[in-house]
Amino acid sequence: VASTPVLFLYSCEIPLLLCLSAHNVFVVFSVCQVEVEEGAESVQLPFKTTENLPEDAKVEWRHYDPFRTIYVYQNGSDQPDKQDQAYVDRIQMNEDLLKTGDLSLTLKQPTVTDSGEYRCEVDSTQIYRYKTVLLKVKGLCLCACVCTQLCVCVCLTVLCLLCRESSGPGSNRGHQEQKQLH
């Protein structure tokens, strides 16, 4: 009896199952969207797959637009020399990632410029899997009141397009005010 490999498609929570014939490769594909406020301590880009991945597997996280390599695990260890400088000391991966199958990446101190498409790829002689994560880091809008020497208060409003997108018209979400000083 010939075995029929299975292809799992994930859309974050809902797995879809397709059968492929004449291939011995299992592929996991997934797209997920993650949102976080700028100034948060960290954000996790999730990717959990099967346990006990092959020892020769290469795990690579990338950020697109602009293209940057975030993290590389190869030959049984992290490869910090292949990491983009913008992410040095800003990422964390789980230990024993091949054994546990938890390839989630934690990004520390996310900023608006971290928004965009991320992809994790797992490649070996036996498997190829990947997951795409769309990260949206919402910026903060501030309204600051400044007093001059004459105690004339001038209200300066800093508007940002990201705040409008995340808050919607007429909303005060993400809007902070400082009290006037006299």
C-alpha atoms as a PDB file:
ATOM      1  CA  VAL A   1       0.000   0.000   0.000  1.00  0.00           C
ATOM      2  CA  ALA A   2       1.487   3.333  -1.069  1.00  0.00           C
ATOM      3  CA  SER A   3       1.386   6.019   1.571  1.00  0.00           C
ATOM      4  CA  THR A   4      -0.226   9.330   0.703  1.00  0.00           C
ATOM      5  CA  PRO A   5       1.513  12.310   2.280  1.00  0.00           C
ATOM      6  CA  VAL A   6      -0.636  14.994   3.813  1.00  0.00           C
ATOM      7  CA  LEU A   7      -0.405  18.764   3.385  1.00  0.00           C
ATOM      8  CA  PHE A   8      -1.638  20.867   6.314  1.00  0.00           C
ATOM      9  CA  LEU A   9      -2.775  24.416   5.620  1.00  0.00           C
ATOM     10  CA  TYR A  10      -3.315  26.661   8.614  1.00  0.00           C
ATOM     11  CA  SER A  11      -4.994  30.019   8.828  1.00  0.00           C
ATOM     12  CA  CYS A  12      -4.019  30.703  12.433  1.00  0.00           C
ATOM     13  CA  GLU A  13      -6.793  28.740  14.094  1.00  0.00           C
ATOM     14  CA  ILE A  14      -8.429  26.701  11.307  1.00  0.00           C
ATOM     15  CA  PRO A  15      -6.442  23.812   9.829  1.00  0.00           C
ATOM     16  CA  LEU A  16      -7.331  22.636   6.329  1.00  0.00           C
ATOM     17  CA  LEU A  17      -6.233  19.218   5.134  1.00  0.00           C
ATOM     18  CA  LEU A  18      -5.201  18.300   1.586  1.00  0.00           C
ATOM     19  CA  CYS A  19      -3.728  15.021   0.372  1.00  0.00           C
ATOM     20  CA  LEU A  20      -0.910  14.885  -2.153  1.00  0.00           C
ATOM     21  CA  SER A  21       0.173  11.839  -4.070  1.00  0.00           C
ATOM     22  CA  ALA A  22       3.659  10.857  -5.246  1.00  0.00           C
ATOM     23  CA  HIS A  23       5.462  13.171  -2.780  1.00  0.00           C
ATOM     24  CA  ASN A  24       7.181  12.370   0.486  1.00  0.00           C
ATOM     25  CA  VAL A  25       7.372  15.915   1.780  1.00  0.00           C
ATOM     26  CA  PHE A  26       5.102  17.356   4.446  1.00  0.00           C
ATOM     27  CA  VAL A  27       4.493  21.083   4.165  1.00  0.00           C
ATOM     28  CA  VAL A  28       2.881  23.404   6.686  1.00  0.00           C
ATOM     29  CA  PHE A  29       1.661  26.765   5.405  1.00  0.00           C
ATOM     30  CA  SER A  30       0.080  29.399   7.552  1.00  0.00           C
ATOM     31  CA  VAL A  31      -0.709  33.107   7.521  1.00  0.00           C
ATOM     32  CA  CYS A  32      -1.471  34.923  10.747  1.00  0.00           C
ATOM     33  CA  GLN A  33      -1.960  38.563  11.715  1.00  0.00           C
ATOM     34  CA  VAL A  34      -0.617  39.968  14.988  1.00  0.00           C
ATOM     35  CA  GLU A  35      -1.269  43.477  16.338  1.00  0.00           C
ATOM     36  CA  VAL A  36       0.525  45.278  19.157  1.00  0.00           C
ATOM     37  CA  GLU A  37       0.785  48.850  20.455  1.00  0.00           C
ATOM     38  CA  GLU A  38       4.091  50.645  20.013  1.00  0.00           C
ATOM     39  CA  GLY A  39       5.860  50.785  23.375  1.00  0.00           C
ATOM     40  CA  ALA A  40       4.863  47.245  24.344  1.00  0.00           C
ATOM     41  CA  GLU A  41       7.604  45.225  26.020  1.00  0.00           C
ATOM     42  CA  SER A  42       7.485  42.518  23.335  1.00  0.00           C
ATOM     43  CA  VAL A  43       5.343  40.728  20.772  1.00  0.00           C
ATOM     44  CA  GLN A  44       5.346  37.075  19.766  1.00  0.00           C
ATOM     45  CA  LEU A  45       5.268  35.945  16.148  1.00  0.00           C
ATOM     46  CA  PRO A  46       3.788  32.445  16.538  1.00  0.00           C
ATOM     47  CA  PHE A  47       4.823  29.296  14.703  1.00  0.00           C
ATOM     48  CA  LYS A  48       4.218  25.903  16.270  1.00  0.00           C
ATOM     49  CA  THR A  49       4.731  22.814  14.164  1.00  0.00           C
ATOM     50  CA  THR A  50       5.376  19.130  14.770  1.00  0.00           C
ATOM     51  CA  GLU A  51       7.863  18.042  17.407  1.00  0.00           C
ATOM     52  CA  ASN A  52      11.193  16.366  16.705  1.00  0.00           C
ATOM     53  CA  LEU A  53      12.118  18.173  13.508  1.00  0.00           C
ATOM     54  CA  PRO A  54      15.093  16.715  11.601  1.00  0.00           C
ATOM     55  CA  GLU A  55      18.499  17.581  13.052  1.00  0.00           C
ATOM     56  CA  ASP A  56      19.680  18.976   9.706  1.00  0.00           C
ATOM     57  CA  ALA A  57      16.793  21.475   9.601  1.00  0.00           C
ATOM     58  CA  LYS A  58      17.571  25.130   8.992  1.00  0.00           C
ATOM     59  CA  VAL A  59      15.168  27.603  10.635  1.00  0.00           C
ATOM     60  CA  GLU A  60      15.151  31.142   9.285  1.00  0.00           C
ATOM     61  CA  TRP A  61      12.957  34.130  10.186  1.00  0.00           C
ATOM     62  CA  ARG A  62      12.886  37.040   7.714  1.00  0.00           C
ATOM     63  CA  HIS A  63      11.224  40.453   7.562  1.00  0.00           C
ATOM     64  CA  TYR A  64      10.171  41.648   4.119  1.00  0.00           C
ATOM     65  CA  ASP A  65       9.999  45.259   2.899  1.00  0.00           C
ATOM     66  CA  PRO A  66      12.811  45.841   3.440  1.00  0.00           C
ATOM     67  CA  PHE A  67      14.228  42.321   3.291  1.00  0.00           C
ATOM     68  CA  ARG A  68      16.087  41.506   6.494  1.00  0.00           C
ATOM     69  CA  THR A  69      17.233  38.267   8.069  1.00  0.00           C
ATOM     70  CA  ILE A  70      16.009  38.239  11.656  1.00  0.00           C
ATOM     71  CA  TYR A  71      17.197  34.865  12.921  1.00  0.00           C
ATOM     72  CA  VAL A  72      18.956  31.754  11.611  1.00  0.00           C
ATOM     73  CA  TYR A  73      19.311  28.357  13.311  1.00  0.00           C
ATOM     74  CA  GLN A  74      21.529  25.926  11.410  1.00  0.00           C
ATOM     75  CA  ASN A  75      23.872  23.030  12.173  1.00  0.00           C
ATOM     76  CA  GLY A  76      22.444  22.719  15.680  1.00  0.00           C
ATOM     77  CA  SER A  77      22.955  26.318  16.824  1.00  0.00           C
ATOM     78  CA  ASP A  78      22.004  29.973  16.394  1.00  0.00           C
ATOM     79  CA  GLN A  79      23.857  31.877  13.655  1.00  0.00           C
ATOM     80  CA  PRO A  80      24.089  35.463  14.993  1.00  0.00           C
ATOM     81  CA  ASP A  81      26.507  36.505  12.224  1.00  0.00           C
ATOM     82  CA  LYS A  82      23.647  36.102   9.702  1.00  0.00           C
ATOM     83  CA  GLN A  83      21.308  38.402  11.670  1.00  0.00           C
ATOM     84  CA  ASP A  84      20.496  41.962  10.574  1.00  0.00           C
ATOM     85  CA  GLN A  85      21.946  44.534  13.002  1.00  0.00           C
ATOM     86  CA  ALA A  86      18.510  46.117  13.574  1.00  0.00           C
ATOM     87  CA  TYR A  87      17.443  42.967  15.451  1.00  0.00           C
ATOM     88  CA  VAL A  88      20.540  42.276  17.557  1.00  0.00           C
ATOM     89  CA  ASP A  89      19.477  41.868  21.223  1.00  0.00           C
ATOM     90  CA  ARG A  90      15.809  42.332  20.208  1.00  0.00           C
ATOM     91  CA  ILE A  91      14.745  38.758  19.533  1.00  0.00           C
ATOM     92  CA  GLN A  92      14.315  35.622  21.565  1.00  0.00           C
ATOM     93  CA  MET A  93      13.709  32.047  20.432  1.00  0.00           C
ATOM     94  CA  ASN A  94      12.756  29.004  22.461  1.00  0.00           C
ATOM     95  CA  GLU A  95      15.413  26.524  23.485  1.00  0.00           C
ATOM     96  CA  ASP A  96      15.290  23.083  21.877  1.00  0.00           C
ATOM     97  CA  LEU A  97      13.212  24.479  19.032  1.00  0.00           C
ATOM     98  CA  LEU A  98      13.700  21.442  16.784  1.00  0.00           C
ATOM     99  CA  LYS A  99      12.696  19.076  19.588  1.00  0.00           C
ATOM    100  CA  THR A 100       9.631  21.059  20.722  1.00  0.00           C
ATOM    101  CA  GLY A 101       8.547  22.324  17.289  1.00  0.00           C
ATOM    102  CA  ASP A 102       7.920  25.766  18.808  1.00  0.00           C
ATOM    103  CA  LEU A 103       9.551  28.147  16.338  1.00  0.00           C
ATOM    104  CA  SER A 104       7.804  31.251  17.668  1.00  0.00           C
ATOM    105  CA  LEU A 105       9.919  34.409  17.677  1.00  0.00           C
ATOM    106  CA  THR A 106       9.630  37.054  20.397  1.00  0.00           C
ATOM    107  CA  LEU A 107      10.447  40.581  19.206  1.00  0.00           C
ATOM    108  CA  LYS A 108      11.368  42.992  22.007  1.00  0.00           C
ATOM    109  CA  GLN A 109      10.457  46.708  22.001  1.00  0.00           C
ATOM    110  CA  PRO A 110       8.428  46.660  18.748  1.00  0.00           C
ATOM    111  CA  THR A 111       8.180  49.946  16.839  1.00  0.00           C
ATOM    112  CA  VAL A 112       6.040  51.092  13.913  1.00  0.00           C
ATOM    113  CA  THR A 113       8.968  50.364  11.581  1.00  0.00           C
ATOM    114  CA  ASP A 114       8.784  46.684  12.613  1.00  0.00           C
ATOM    115  CA  SER A 115       5.346  46.414  10.978  1.00  0.00           C
ATOM    116  CA  GLY A 116       5.100  44.226   7.910  1.00  0.00           C
ATOM    117  CA  GLU A 117       5.373  40.680   6.658  1.00  0.00           C
ATOM    118  CA  TYR A 118       7.525  38.127   8.461  1.00  0.00           C
ATOM    119  CA  ARG A 119       8.164  34.588   7.323  1.00  0.00           C
ATOM    120  CA  CYS A 120       9.684  31.620   9.104  1.00  0.00           C
ATOM    121  CA  GLU A 121      10.993  28.806   6.912  1.00  0.00           C
ATOM    122  CA  VAL A 122      12.082  25.354   8.030  1.00  0.00           C
ATOM    123  CA  ASP A 123      14.074  23.456   5.440  1.00  0.00           C
ATOM    124  CA  SER A 124      15.852  20.105   5.548  1.00  0.00           C
ATOM    125  CA  THR A 125      16.428  17.104   3.321  1.00  0.00           C
ATOM    126  CA  GLN A 126      13.135  15.661   4.616  1.00  0.00           C
ATOM    127  CA  ILE A 127      10.769  18.629   5.026  1.00  0.00           C
ATOM    128  CA  TYR A 128       9.973  22.171   4.016  1.00  0.00           C
ATOM    129  CA  ARG A 129       7.560  24.267   6.110  1.00  0.00           C
ATOM    130  CA  TYR A 130       6.857  27.935   6.406  1.00  0.00           C
ATOM    131  CA  LYS A 131       4.566  30.388   8.089  1.00  0.00           C
ATOM    132  CA  THR A 132       3.840  34.003   7.266  1.00  0.00           C
ATOM    133  CA  VAL A 133       2.996  36.461  10.046  1.00  0.00           C
ATOM    134  CA  LEU A 134       1.692  39.949   9.321  1.00  0.00           C
ATOM    135  CA  LEU A 135       2.738  42.250  12.163  1.00  0.00           C
ATOM    136  CA  LYS A 136       1.016  45.583  12.720  1.00  0.00           C
ATOM    137  CA  VAL A 137       2.568  47.846  15.343  1.00  0.00           C
ATOM    138  CA  LYS A 138       0.135  50.653  16.116  1.00  0.00           C
ATOM    139  CA  GLY A 139       1.678  54.059  16.771  1.00  0.00           C
ATOM    140  CA  LEU A 140       0.602  56.348  19.580  1.00  0.00           C
ATOM    141  CA  CYS A 141      -0.999  59.755  19.057  1.00  0.00           C
ATOM    142  CA  LEU A 142      -0.211  62.424  21.590  1.00  0.00           C
ATOM    143  CA  CYS A 143      -1.774  65.763  22.412  1.00  0.00           C
ATOM    144  CA  ALA A 144       0.666  67.901  24.367  1.00  0.00           C
ATOM    145  CA  CYS A 145      -0.107  71.285  25.885  1.00  0.00           C
ATOM    146  CA  VAL A 146       2.801  73.695  26.315  1.00  0.00           C
ATOM    147  CA  CYS A 147       2.792  76.903  28.386  1.00  0.00           C
ATOM    148  CA  THR A 148       4.841  79.882  27.288  1.00  0.00           C
ATOM    149  CA  GLN A 149       6.378  82.384  29.743  1.00  0.00           C
ATOM    150  CA  LEU A 150       3.187  84.431  29.450  1.00  0.00           C
ATOM    151  CA  CYS A 151       1.191  81.404  30.520  1.00  0.00           C
ATOM    152  CA  VAL A 152      -0.497  81.305  27.160  1.00  0.00           C
ATOM    153  CA  CYS A 153      -1.110  77.671  26.510  1.00  0.00           C
ATOM    154  CA  VAL A 154      -0.719  76.424  23.025  1.00  0.00           C
ATOM    155  CA  CYS A 155      -2.025  72.984  22.324  1.00  0.00           C
ATOM    156  CA  LEU A 156       0.112  71.039  19.898  1.00  0.00           C
ATOM    157  CA  THR A 157      -1.493  67.986  18.439  1.00  0.00           C
ATOM    158  CA  VAL A 158       0.650  65.327  16.932  1.00  0.00           C
ATOM    159  CA  LEU A 159      -1.355  63.268  14.481  1.00  0.00           C
ATOM    160  CA  CYS A 160      -0.232  60.074  12.871  1.00  0.00           C
ATOM    161  CA  LEU A 161      -1.854  58.067  10.118  1.00  0.00           C
ATOM    162  CA  LEU A 162      -1.390  54.844  12.025  1.00  0.00           C
ATOM    163  CA  CYS A 163      -3.394  56.250  14.916  1.00  0.00           C
ATOM    164  CA  ARG A 164      -6.237  57.182  12.586  1.00  0.00           C
ATOM    165  CA  GLU A 165      -6.207  53.694  11.088  1.00  0.00           C
ATOM    166  CA  SER A 166      -6.187  51.918  14.431  1.00  0.00           C
ATOM    167  CA  SER A 167      -8.574  54.211  16.242  1.00  0.00           C
ATOM    168  CA  GLY A 168     -11.059  55.236  13.579  1.00  0.00           C
ATOM    169  CA  PRO A 169     -12.723  58.637  13.232  1.00  0.00           C
ATOM    170  CA  GLY A 170     -13.927  60.249  16.443  1.00  0.00           C
ATOM    171  CA  SER A 171     -12.253  57.722  18.699  1.00  0.00           C
ATOM    172  CA  ASN A 172     -10.000  58.648  21.639  1.00  0.00           C
ATOM    173  CA  ARG A 173      -8.298  55.249  21.670  1.00  0.00           C
ATOM    174  CA  GLY A 174      -4.528  55.696  21.779  1.00  0.00           C
ATOM    175  CA  HIS A 175      -4.952  59.431  22.475  1.00  0.00           C
ATOM    176  CA  GLN A 176      -3.296  60.776  25.602  1.00  0.00           C
ATOM    177  CA  GLU A 177      -3.485  64.286  27.024  1.00  0.00           C
ATOM    178  CA  GLN A 178      -1.224  66.106  29.439  1.00  0.00           C
ATOM    179  CA  LYS A 179      -2.706  68.652  31.871  1.00  0.00           C
ATOM    180  CA  GLN A 180      -2.001  72.312  31.264  1.00  0.00           C
ATOM    181  CA  LEU A 181       0.609  73.893  33.500  1.00  0.00           C
ATOM    182  CA  HIS A 182       0.064  77.508  34.691  1.00  0.00           C
END
